[in-house]
Amino acid sequence: TVVGAYCQMHRATGNDEWAMLAKQTLASLLQR
């Protein structure tokens, strides 16, 4: 759910930091 929130923030702001957080959180949860 946090990944989805960060993705929406990236779309809304264009700030790549939100995209980086989304990708890293997603990669971590998929691995676990």
Full PDB file with SEQRES, HELIX, SHEET, SSBOND, CRYST1, ORIGX, SCALE, CONECT and MASTER records, all heavy atoms in Angstrom:
SEQRES   1 A   32  THR VAL VAL GLY ALA TYR CYS GLN MET HIS ARG ALA THR          
SEQRES   2 A   32  GLY ASN ASP GLU TRP ALA MET LEU ALA LYS GLN THR LEU          
SEQRES   3 A   32  ALA SER LEU LEU GLN ARG                                      
HELIX    1 AA1 VAL A    2  THR A   13  1                                  12    
HELIX    2 AA2 ASP A   16  GLN A   31  1                                  16    
CRYST1    1.000    1.000    1.000  90.00  90.00  90.00 P 1           1          
ORIGX1      1.000000  0.000000  0.000000        0.00000                         
ORIGX2      0.000000  1.000000  0.000000        0.00000                         
ORIGX3      0.000000  0.000000  1.000000        0.00000                         
SCALE1      1.000000  0.000000  0.000000        0.00000                         
SCALE2      0.000000  1.000000  0.000000        0.00000                         
SCALE3      0.000000  0.000000  1.000000        0.00000                         
ATOM      1  N   THR A   1       0.832  -1.204   0.000  1.00  0.00           N  
ATOM      2  CA  THR A   1       0.000   0.000   0.000  1.00  0.00           C  
ATOM      3  C   THR A   1       0.863   1.249   0.000  1.00  0.00           C  
ATOM      4  O   THR A   1       0.520   2.247  -0.657  1.00  0.00           O  
ATOM      5  CB  THR A   1      -0.934  -0.006   1.224  1.00  0.00           C  
ATOM      6  OG1 THR A   1      -1.619  -1.259   1.289  1.00  0.00           O  
ATOM      7  CG2 THR A   1      -1.965   1.093   1.128  1.00  0.00           C  
ATOM      8  N   VAL A   2       1.978   1.213   0.708  1.00  0.00           N  
ATOM      9  CA  VAL A   2       2.906   2.349   0.707  1.00  0.00           C  
ATOM     10  C   VAL A   2       3.483   2.560  -0.697  1.00  0.00           C  
ATOM     11  O   VAL A   2       3.645   3.699  -1.145  1.00  0.00           O  
ATOM     12  CB  VAL A   2       4.019   2.124   1.750  1.00  0.00           C  
ATOM     13  CG1 VAL A   2       5.137   3.148   1.586  1.00  0.00           C  
ATOM     14  CG2 VAL A   2       3.429   2.211   3.160  1.00  0.00           C  
ATOM     15  N   VAL A   3       3.783   1.476  -1.407  1.00  0.00           N  
ATOM     16  CA  VAL A   3       4.261   1.600  -2.788  1.00  0.00           C  
ATOM     17  C   VAL A   3       3.252   2.376  -3.634  1.00  0.00           C  
ATOM     18  O   VAL A   3       3.606   3.303  -4.384  1.00  0.00           O  
ATOM     19  CB  VAL A   3       4.509   0.209  -3.410  1.00  0.00           C  
ATOM     20  CG1 VAL A   3       4.768   0.321  -4.920  1.00  0.00           C  
ATOM     21  CG2 VAL A   3       5.691  -0.474  -2.744  1.00  0.00           C  
ATOM     22  N   GLY A   4       1.973   2.020  -3.514  1.00  0.00           N  
ATOM     23  CA  GLY A   4       0.949   2.721  -4.271  1.00  0.00           C  
ATOM     24  C   GLY A   4       0.879   4.193  -3.929  1.00  0.00           C  
ATOM     25  O   GLY A   4       0.712   5.046  -4.817  1.00  0.00           O  
ATOM     26  N   ALA A   5       1.024   4.519  -2.646  1.00  0.00           N  
ATOM     27  CA  ALA A   5       1.004   5.922  -2.227  1.00  0.00           C  
ATOM     28  C   ALA A   5       2.178   6.688  -2.831  1.00  0.00           C  
ATOM     29  O   ALA A   5       2.014   7.812  -3.338  1.00  0.00           O  
ATOM     30  CB  ALA A   5       1.039   6.000  -0.703  1.00  0.00           C  
ATOM     31  N   TYR A   6       3.369   6.100  -2.796  1.00  0.00           N  
ATOM     32  CA  TYR A   6       4.536   6.771  -3.364  1.00  0.00           C  
ATOM     33  C   TYR A   6       4.394   6.944  -4.883  1.00  0.00           C  
ATOM     34  O   TYR A   6       4.806   7.968  -5.447  1.00  0.00           O  
ATOM     35  CB  TYR A   6       5.806   5.983  -3.047  1.00  0.00           C  
ATOM     36  CG  TYR A   6       6.270   6.074  -1.603  1.00  0.00           C  
ATOM     37  CD1 TYR A   6       7.090   5.087  -1.055  1.00  0.00           C  
ATOM     38  CD2 TYR A   6       5.914   7.134  -0.788  1.00  0.00           C  
ATOM     39  CE1 TYR A   6       7.535   5.156   0.260  1.00  0.00           C  
ATOM     40  CE2 TYR A   6       6.348   7.220   0.521  1.00  0.00           C  
ATOM     41  CZ  TYR A   6       7.155   6.228   1.035  1.00  0.00           C  
ATOM     42  OH  TYR A   6       7.596   6.305   2.345  1.00  0.00           O  
ATOM     43  N   CYS A   7       3.815   5.958  -5.552  1.00  0.00           N  
ATOM     44  CA  CYS A   7       3.608   6.078  -7.000  1.00  0.00           C  
ATOM     45  C   CYS A   7       2.669   7.224  -7.333  1.00  0.00           C  
ATOM     46  O   CYS A   7       2.899   7.994  -8.282  1.00  0.00           O  
ATOM     47  CB  CYS A   7       3.054   4.767  -7.566  1.00  0.00           C  
ATOM     48  SG  CYS A   7       4.237   3.416  -7.639  1.00  0.00           S  
ATOM     49  N   GLN A   8       1.600   7.350  -6.569  1.00  0.00           N  
ATOM     50  CA  GLN A   8       0.663   8.449  -6.805  1.00  0.00           C  
ATOM     51  C   GLN A   8       1.326   9.796  -6.535  1.00  0.00           C  
ATOM     52  O   GLN A   8       1.069  10.783  -7.254  1.00  0.00           O  
ATOM     53  CB  GLN A   8      -0.578   8.279  -5.925  1.00  0.00           C  
ATOM     54  CG  GLN A   8      -1.501   7.152  -6.351  1.00  0.00           C  
ATOM     55  CD  GLN A   8      -2.177   7.414  -7.686  1.00  0.00           C  
ATOM     56  OE1 GLN A   8      -2.460   8.548  -8.050  1.00  0.00           O  
ATOM     57  NE2 GLN A   8      -2.431   6.344  -8.432  1.00  0.00           N  
ATOM     58  N   MET A   9       2.181   9.861  -5.522  1.00  0.00           N  
ATOM     59  CA  MET A   9       2.897  11.113  -5.241  1.00  0.00           C  
ATOM     60  C   MET A   9       3.862  11.455  -6.375  1.00  0.00           C  
ATOM     61  O   MET A   9       4.036  12.629  -6.717  1.00  0.00           O  
ATOM     62  CB  MET A   9       3.644  11.004  -3.914  1.00  0.00           C  
ATOM     63  CG  MET A   9       2.741  11.009  -2.682  1.00  0.00           C  
ATOM     64  SD  MET A   9       1.687  12.479  -2.560  1.00  0.00           S  
ATOM     65  CE  MET A   9       2.934  13.785  -2.469  1.00  0.00           C  
ATOM     66  N   HIS A  10       4.488  10.435  -6.953  1.00  0.00           N  
ATOM     67  CA  HIS A  10       5.373  10.697  -8.096  1.00  0.00           C  
ATOM     68  C   HIS A  10       4.590  11.251  -9.275  1.00  0.00           C  
ATOM     69  O   HIS A  10       5.009  12.198  -9.937  1.00  0.00           O  
ATOM     70  CB  HIS A  10       6.100   9.409  -8.492  1.00  0.00           C  
ATOM     71  CG  HIS A  10       6.940   9.565  -9.716  1.00  0.00           C  
ATOM     72  ND1 HIS A  10       6.653   8.918 -10.908  1.00  0.00           N  
ATOM     73  CD2 HIS A  10       8.045  10.310  -9.958  1.00  0.00           C  
ATOM     74  CE1 HIS A  10       7.550   9.259 -11.810  1.00  0.00           C  
ATOM     75  NE2 HIS A  10       8.406  10.087 -11.266  1.00  0.00           N  
ATOM     76  N   ARG A  11       3.434  10.670  -9.551  1.00  0.00           N  
ATOM     77  CA  ARG A  11       2.599  11.179 -10.640  1.00  0.00           C  
ATOM     78  C   ARG A  11       2.149  12.608 -10.371  1.00  0.00           C  
ATOM     79  O   ARG A  11       2.081  13.435 -11.277  1.00  0.00           O  
ATOM     80  CB  ARG A  11       1.363  10.290 -10.810  1.00  0.00           C  
ATOM     81  CG  ARG A  11       1.616   8.948 -11.468  1.00  0.00           C  
ATOM     82  CD  ARG A  11       0.304   8.190 -11.638  1.00  0.00           C  
ATOM     83  NE  ARG A  11      -0.657   8.956 -12.421  1.00  0.00           N  
ATOM     84  CZ  ARG A  11      -1.955   8.693 -12.481  1.00  0.00           C  
ATOM     85  NH1 ARG A  11      -2.455   7.673 -11.790  1.00  0.00           N  
ATOM     86  NH2 ARG A  11      -2.753   9.436 -13.213  1.00  0.00           N  
ATOM     87  N   ALA A  12       1.830  12.907  -9.115  1.00  0.00           N  
ATOM     88  CA  ALA A  12       1.292  14.217  -8.777  1.00  0.00           C  
ATOM     89  C   ALA A  12       2.355  15.310  -8.794  1.00  0.00           C  
ATOM     90  O   ALA A  12       2.066  16.452  -9.174  1.00  0.00           O  
ATOM     91  CB  ALA A  12       0.626  14.165  -7.401  1.00  0.00           C  
ATOM     92  N   THR A  13       3.574  14.961  -8.397  1.00  0.00           N  
ATOM     93  CA  THR A  13       4.605  15.995  -8.227  1.00  0.00           C  
ATOM     94  C   THR A  13       5.698  15.942  -9.282  1.00  0.00           C  
ATOM     95  O   THR A  13       6.399  16.946  -9.485  1.00  0.00           O  
ATOM     96  CB  THR A  13       5.270  15.851  -6.847  1.00  0.00           C  
ATOM     97  OG1 THR A  13       5.982  14.597  -6.791  1.00  0.00           O  
ATOM     98  CG2 THR A  13       4.236  15.890  -5.730  1.00  0.00           C  
ATOM     99  N   GLY A  14       5.886  14.793  -9.923  1.00  0.00           N  
ATOM    100  CA  GLY A  14       7.009  14.639 -10.840  1.00  0.00           C  
ATOM    101  C   GLY A  14       8.341  14.499 -10.130  1.00  0.00           C  
ATOM    102  O   GLY A  14       9.392  14.439 -10.789  1.00  0.00           O  
ATOM    103  N   ASN A  15       8.322  14.408  -8.805  1.00  0.00           N  
ATOM    104  CA  ASN A  15       9.547  14.293  -8.016  1.00  0.00           C  
ATOM    105  C   ASN A  15      10.044  12.844  -8.064  1.00  0.00           C  
ATOM    106  O   ASN A  15       9.371  11.928  -7.603  1.00  0.00           O  
ATOM    107  CB  ASN A  15       9.271  14.721  -6.572  1.00  0.00           C  
ATOM    108  CG  ASN A  15      10.527  14.781  -5.724  1.00  0.00           C  
ATOM    109  OD1 ASN A  15      11.516  14.105  -5.999  1.00  0.00           O  
ATOM    110  ND2 ASN A  15      10.498  15.604  -4.689  1.00  0.00           N  
ATOM    111  N   ASP A  16      11.245  12.649  -8.623  1.00  0.00           N  
ATOM    112  CA  ASP A  16      11.773  11.296  -8.799  1.00  0.00           C  
ATOM    113  C   ASP A  16      12.123  10.606  -7.487  1.00  0.00           C  
ATOM    114  O   ASP A  16      12.307   9.382  -7.462  1.00  0.00           O  
ATOM    115  CB  ASP A  16      13.010  11.330  -9.701  1.00  0.00           C  
ATOM    116  CG  ASP A  16      12.655  11.586 -11.160  1.00  0.00           C  
ATOM    117  OD1 ASP A  16      11.492  11.341 -11.529  1.00  0.00           O  
ATOM    118  OD2 ASP A  16      13.534  12.034 -11.918  1.00  0.00           O  
ATOM    119  N   GLU A  17      12.212  11.355  -6.389  1.00  0.00           N  
ATOM    120  CA  GLU A  17      12.483  10.709  -5.113  1.00  0.00           C  
ATOM    121  C   GLU A  17      11.337   9.783  -4.714  1.00  0.00           C  
ATOM    122  O   GLU A  17      11.564   8.722  -4.129  1.00  0.00           O  
ATOM    123  CB  GLU A  17      12.719  11.764  -4.032  1.00  0.00           C  
ATOM    124  CG  GLU A  17      14.039  12.507  -4.182  1.00  0.00           C  
ATOM    125  CD  GLU A  17      14.318  13.415  -3.005  1.00  0.00           C  
ATOM    126  OE1 GLU A  17      13.646  13.253  -1.954  1.00  0.00           O  
ATOM    127  OE2 GLU A  17      15.207  14.262  -3.119  1.00  0.00           O  
ATOM    128  N   TRP A  18      10.100  10.178  -5.043  1.00  0.00           N  
ATOM    129  CA  TRP A  18       8.960   9.309  -4.742  1.00  0.00           C  
ATOM    130  C   TRP A  18       9.032   8.044  -5.595  1.00  0.00           C  
ATOM    131  O   TRP A  18       8.712   6.950  -5.119  1.00  0.00           O  
ATOM    132  CB  TRP A  18       7.652  10.038  -4.976  1.00  0.00           C  
ATOM    133  CG  TRP A  18       7.411  11.213  -4.077  1.00  0.00           C  
ATOM    134  CD1 TRP A  18       7.242  12.512  -4.451  1.00  0.00           C  
ATOM    135  CD2 TRP A  18       7.319  11.199  -2.640  1.00  0.00           C  
ATOM    136  NE1 TRP A  18       7.046  13.316  -3.352  1.00  0.00           N  
ATOM    137  CE2 TRP A  18       7.093  12.526  -2.230  1.00  0.00           C  
ATOM    138  CE3 TRP A  18       7.412  10.194  -1.680  1.00  0.00           C  
ATOM    139  CZ2 TRP A  18       6.949  12.877  -0.886  1.00  0.00           C  
ATOM    140  CZ3 TRP A  18       7.275  10.541  -0.340  1.00  0.00           C  
ATOM    141  CH2 TRP A  18       7.046  11.867   0.048  1.00  0.00           C  
ATOM    142  N   ALA A  19       9.449   8.178  -6.839  1.00  0.00           N  
ATOM    143  CA  ALA A  19       9.591   7.002  -7.706  1.00  0.00           C  
ATOM    144  C   ALA A  19      10.667   6.059  -7.181  1.00  0.00           C  
ATOM    145  O   ALA A  19      10.485   4.829  -7.169  1.00  0.00           O  
ATOM    146  CB  ALA A  19       9.923   7.440  -9.131  1.00  0.00           C  
ATOM    147  N   MET A  20      11.775   6.608  -6.724  1.00  0.00           N  
ATOM    148  CA  MET A  20      12.852   5.789  -6.174  1.00  0.00           C  
ATOM    149  C   MET A  20      12.381   5.042  -4.929  1.00  0.00           C  
ATOM    150  O   MET A  20      12.633   3.844  -4.771  1.00  0.00           O  
ATOM    151  CB  MET A  20      14.051   6.667  -5.828  1.00  0.00           C  
ATOM    152  CG  MET A  20      15.222   5.906  -5.219  1.00  0.00           C  
ATOM    153  SD  MET A  20      16.525   7.013  -4.632  1.00  0.00           S  
ATOM    154  CE  MET A  20      15.692   7.817  -3.257  1.00  0.00           C  
ATOM    155  N   LEU A  21      11.657   5.748  -4.056  1.00  0.00           N  
ATOM    156  CA  LEU A  21      11.137   5.097  -2.856  1.00  0.00           C  
ATOM    157  C   LEU A  21      10.165   3.983  -3.214  1.00  0.00           C  
ATOM    158  O   LEU A  21      10.173   2.910  -2.608  1.00  0.00           O  
ATOM    159  CB  LEU A  21      10.444   6.132  -1.967  1.00  0.00           C  
ATOM    160  CG  LEU A  21      11.350   7.044  -1.145  1.00  0.00           C  
ATOM    161  CD1 LEU A  21      10.548   8.207  -0.558  1.00  0.00           C  
ATOM    162  CD2 LEU A  21      12.012   6.251  -0.021  1.00  0.00           C  
ATOM    163  N   ALA A  22       9.316   4.234  -4.202  1.00  0.00           N  
ATOM    164  CA  ALA A  22       8.349   3.212  -4.619  1.00  0.00           C  
ATOM    165  C   ALA A  22       9.064   1.979  -5.150  1.00  0.00           C  
ATOM    166  O   ALA A  22       8.725   0.839  -4.778  1.00  0.00           O  
ATOM    167  CB  ALA A  22       7.417   3.792  -5.684  1.00  0.00           C  
ATOM    168  N   LYS A  23      10.056   2.157  -6.016  1.00  0.00           N  
ATOM    169  CA  LYS A  23      10.767   1.031  -6.607  1.00  0.00           C  
ATOM    170  C   LYS A  23      11.532   0.241  -5.548  1.00  0.00           C  
ATOM    171  O   LYS A  23      11.530  -0.998  -5.553  1.00  0.00           O  
ATOM    172  CB  LYS A  23      11.718   1.535  -7.696  1.00  0.00           C  
ATOM    173  CG  LYS A  23      11.016   2.058  -8.939  1.00  0.00           C  
ATOM    174  CD  LYS A  23      11.980   2.726  -9.895  1.00  0.00           C  
ATOM    175  CE  LYS A  23      12.988   1.754 -10.458  1.00  0.00           C  
ATOM    176  NZ  LYS A  23      13.858   2.405 -11.475  1.00  0.00           N  
ATOM    177  N   GLN A  24      12.178   0.941  -4.637  1.00  0.00           N  
ATOM    178  CA  GLN A  24      12.966   0.251  -3.617  1.00  0.00           C  
ATOM    179  C   GLN A  24      12.062  -0.501  -2.630  1.00  0.00           C  
ATOM    180  O   GLN A  24      12.376  -1.633  -2.226  1.00  0.00           O  
ATOM    181  CB  GLN A  24      13.846   1.262  -2.872  1.00  0.00           C  
ATOM    182  CG  GLN A  24      14.966   1.829  -3.727  1.00  0.00           C  
ATOM    183  CD  GLN A  24      15.787   2.887  -2.993  1.00  0.00           C  
ATOM    184  OE1 GLN A  24      15.368   3.407  -1.959  1.00  0.00           O  
ATOM    185  NE2 GLN A  24      16.955   3.211  -3.526  1.00  0.00           N  
ATOM    186  N   THR A  25      10.958   0.118  -2.239  1.00  0.00           N  
ATOM    187  CA  THR A  25      10.027  -0.556  -1.334  1.00  0.00           C  
ATOM    188  C   THR A  25       9.420  -1.782  -2.000  1.00  0.00           C  
ATOM    189  O   THR A  25       9.271  -2.841  -1.387  1.00  0.00           O  
ATOM    190  CB  THR A  25       8.919   0.418  -0.891  1.00  0.00           C  
ATOM    191  OG1 THR A  25       9.504   1.592  -0.319  1.00  0.00           O  
ATOM    192  CG2 THR A  25       7.996  -0.233   0.133  1.00  0.00           C  
ATOM    193  N   LEU A  26       9.072  -1.659  -3.286  1.00  0.00           N  
ATOM    194  CA  LEU A  26       8.513  -2.782  -4.023  1.00  0.00           C  
ATOM    195  C   LEU A  26       9.518  -3.917  -4.147  1.00  0.00           C  
ATOM    196  O   LEU A  26       9.182  -5.095  -3.930  1.00  0.00           O  
ATOM    197  CB  LEU A  26       8.059  -2.322  -5.411  1.00  0.00           C  
ATOM    198  CG  LEU A  26       7.441  -3.397  -6.306  1.00  0.00           C  
ATOM    199  CD1 LEU A  26       6.182  -3.981  -5.676  1.00  0.00           C  
ATOM    200  CD2 LEU A  26       7.123  -2.818  -7.686  1.00  0.00           C  
ATOM    201  N   ALA A  27      10.763  -3.597  -4.487  1.00  0.00           N  
ATOM    202  CA  ALA A  27      11.784  -4.630  -4.625  1.00  0.00           C  
ATOM    203  C   ALA A  27      12.010  -5.358  -3.302  1.00  0.00           C  
ATOM    204  O   ALA A  27      12.145  -6.592  -3.261  1.00  0.00           O  
ATOM    205  CB  ALA A  27      13.098  -4.008  -5.113  1.00  0.00           C  
ATOM    206  N   SER A  28      12.006  -4.605  -2.208  1.00  0.00           N  
ATOM    207  CA  SER A  28      12.207  -5.208  -0.892  1.00  0.00           C  
ATOM    208  C   SER A  28      11.070  -6.157  -0.534  1.00  0.00           C  
ATOM    209  O   SER A  28      11.300  -7.284  -0.075  1.00  0.00           O  
ATOM    210  CB  SER A  28      12.319  -4.099   0.166  1.00  0.00           C  
ATOM    211  OG  SER A  28      12.362  -4.638   1.469  1.00  0.00           O  
ATOM    212  N   LEU A  29       9.829  -5.731  -0.770  1.00  0.00           N  
ATOM    213  CA  LEU A  29       8.700  -6.588  -0.377  1.00  0.00           C  
ATOM    214  C   LEU A  29       8.608  -7.825  -1.272  1.00  0.00           C  
ATOM    215  O   LEU A  29       8.250  -8.910  -0.796  1.00  0.00           O  
ATOM    216  CB  LEU A  29       7.398  -5.789  -0.370  1.00  0.00           C  
ATOM    217  CG  LEU A  29       6.693  -5.441  -1.687  1.00  0.00           C  
ATOM    218  CD1 LEU A  29       5.767  -6.555  -2.153  1.00  0.00           C  
ATOM    219  CD2 LEU A  29       5.883  -4.154  -1.523  1.00  0.00           C  
ATOM    220  N   LEU A  30       8.916  -7.684  -2.550  1.00  0.00           N  
ATOM    221  CA  LEU A  30       8.873  -8.841  -3.445  1.00  0.00           C  
ATOM    222  C   LEU A  30       9.919  -9.869  -3.053  1.00  0.00           C  
ATOM    223  O   LEU A  30       9.667 -11.079  -3.082  1.00  0.00           O  
ATOM    224  CB  LEU A  30       9.074  -8.399  -4.890  1.00  0.00           C  
ATOM    225  CG  LEU A  30       7.917  -7.639  -5.539  1.00  0.00           C  
ATOM    226  CD1 LEU A  30       8.315  -7.167  -6.934  1.00  0.00           C  
ATOM    227  CD2 LEU A  30       6.656  -8.491  -5.603  1.00  0.00           C  
ATOM    228  N   GLN A  31      11.097  -9.406  -2.669  1.00  0.00           N  
ATOM    229  CA  GLN A  31      12.150 -10.325  -2.257  1.00  0.00           C  
ATOM    230  C   GLN A  31      11.769 -11.052  -0.974  1.00  0.00           C  
ATOM    231  O   GLN A  31      11.921 -12.282  -0.873  1.00  0.00           O  
ATOM    232  CB  GLN A  31      13.457  -9.565  -2.056  1.00  0.00           C  
ATOM    233  CG  GLN A  31      14.631 -10.453  -1.666  1.00  0.00           C  
ATOM    234  CD  GLN A  31      15.903  -9.664  -1.444  1.00  0.00           C  
ATOM    235  OE1 GLN A  31      15.871  -8.525  -0.990  1.00  0.00           O  
ATOM    236  NE2 GLN A  31      17.039 -10.262  -1.775  1.00  0.00           N  
ATOM    237  N   ARG A  32      11.262 -10.326   0.010  1.00  0.00           N  
ATOM    238  CA  ARG A  32      10.869 -10.955   1.270  1.00  0.00           C  
ATOM    239  C   ARG A  32       9.729 -11.942   1.054  1.00  0.00           C  
ATOM    240  O   ARG A  32       9.698 -13.015   1.652  1.00  0.00           O  
ATOM    241  CB  ARG A  32      10.460  -9.886   2.280  1.00  0.00           C  
ATOM    242  CG  ARG A  32      11.635  -9.168   2.918  1.00  0.00           C  
ATOM    243  CD  ARG A  32      11.201  -8.233   4.001  1.00  0.00           C  
ATOM    244  NE  ARG A  32      10.704  -6.978   3.463  1.00  0.00           N  
ATOM    245  CZ  ARG A  32       9.478  -6.503   3.645  1.00  0.00           C  
ATOM    246  NH1 ARG A  32       8.605  -7.208   4.337  1.00  0.00           N  
ATOM    247  NH2 ARG A  32       9.123  -5.353   3.143  1.00  0.00           N  
TER     248      ARG A  32                                                      
MASTER        0    0    0    2    0    0    0    6  247    1    0    3          
END                                                                             
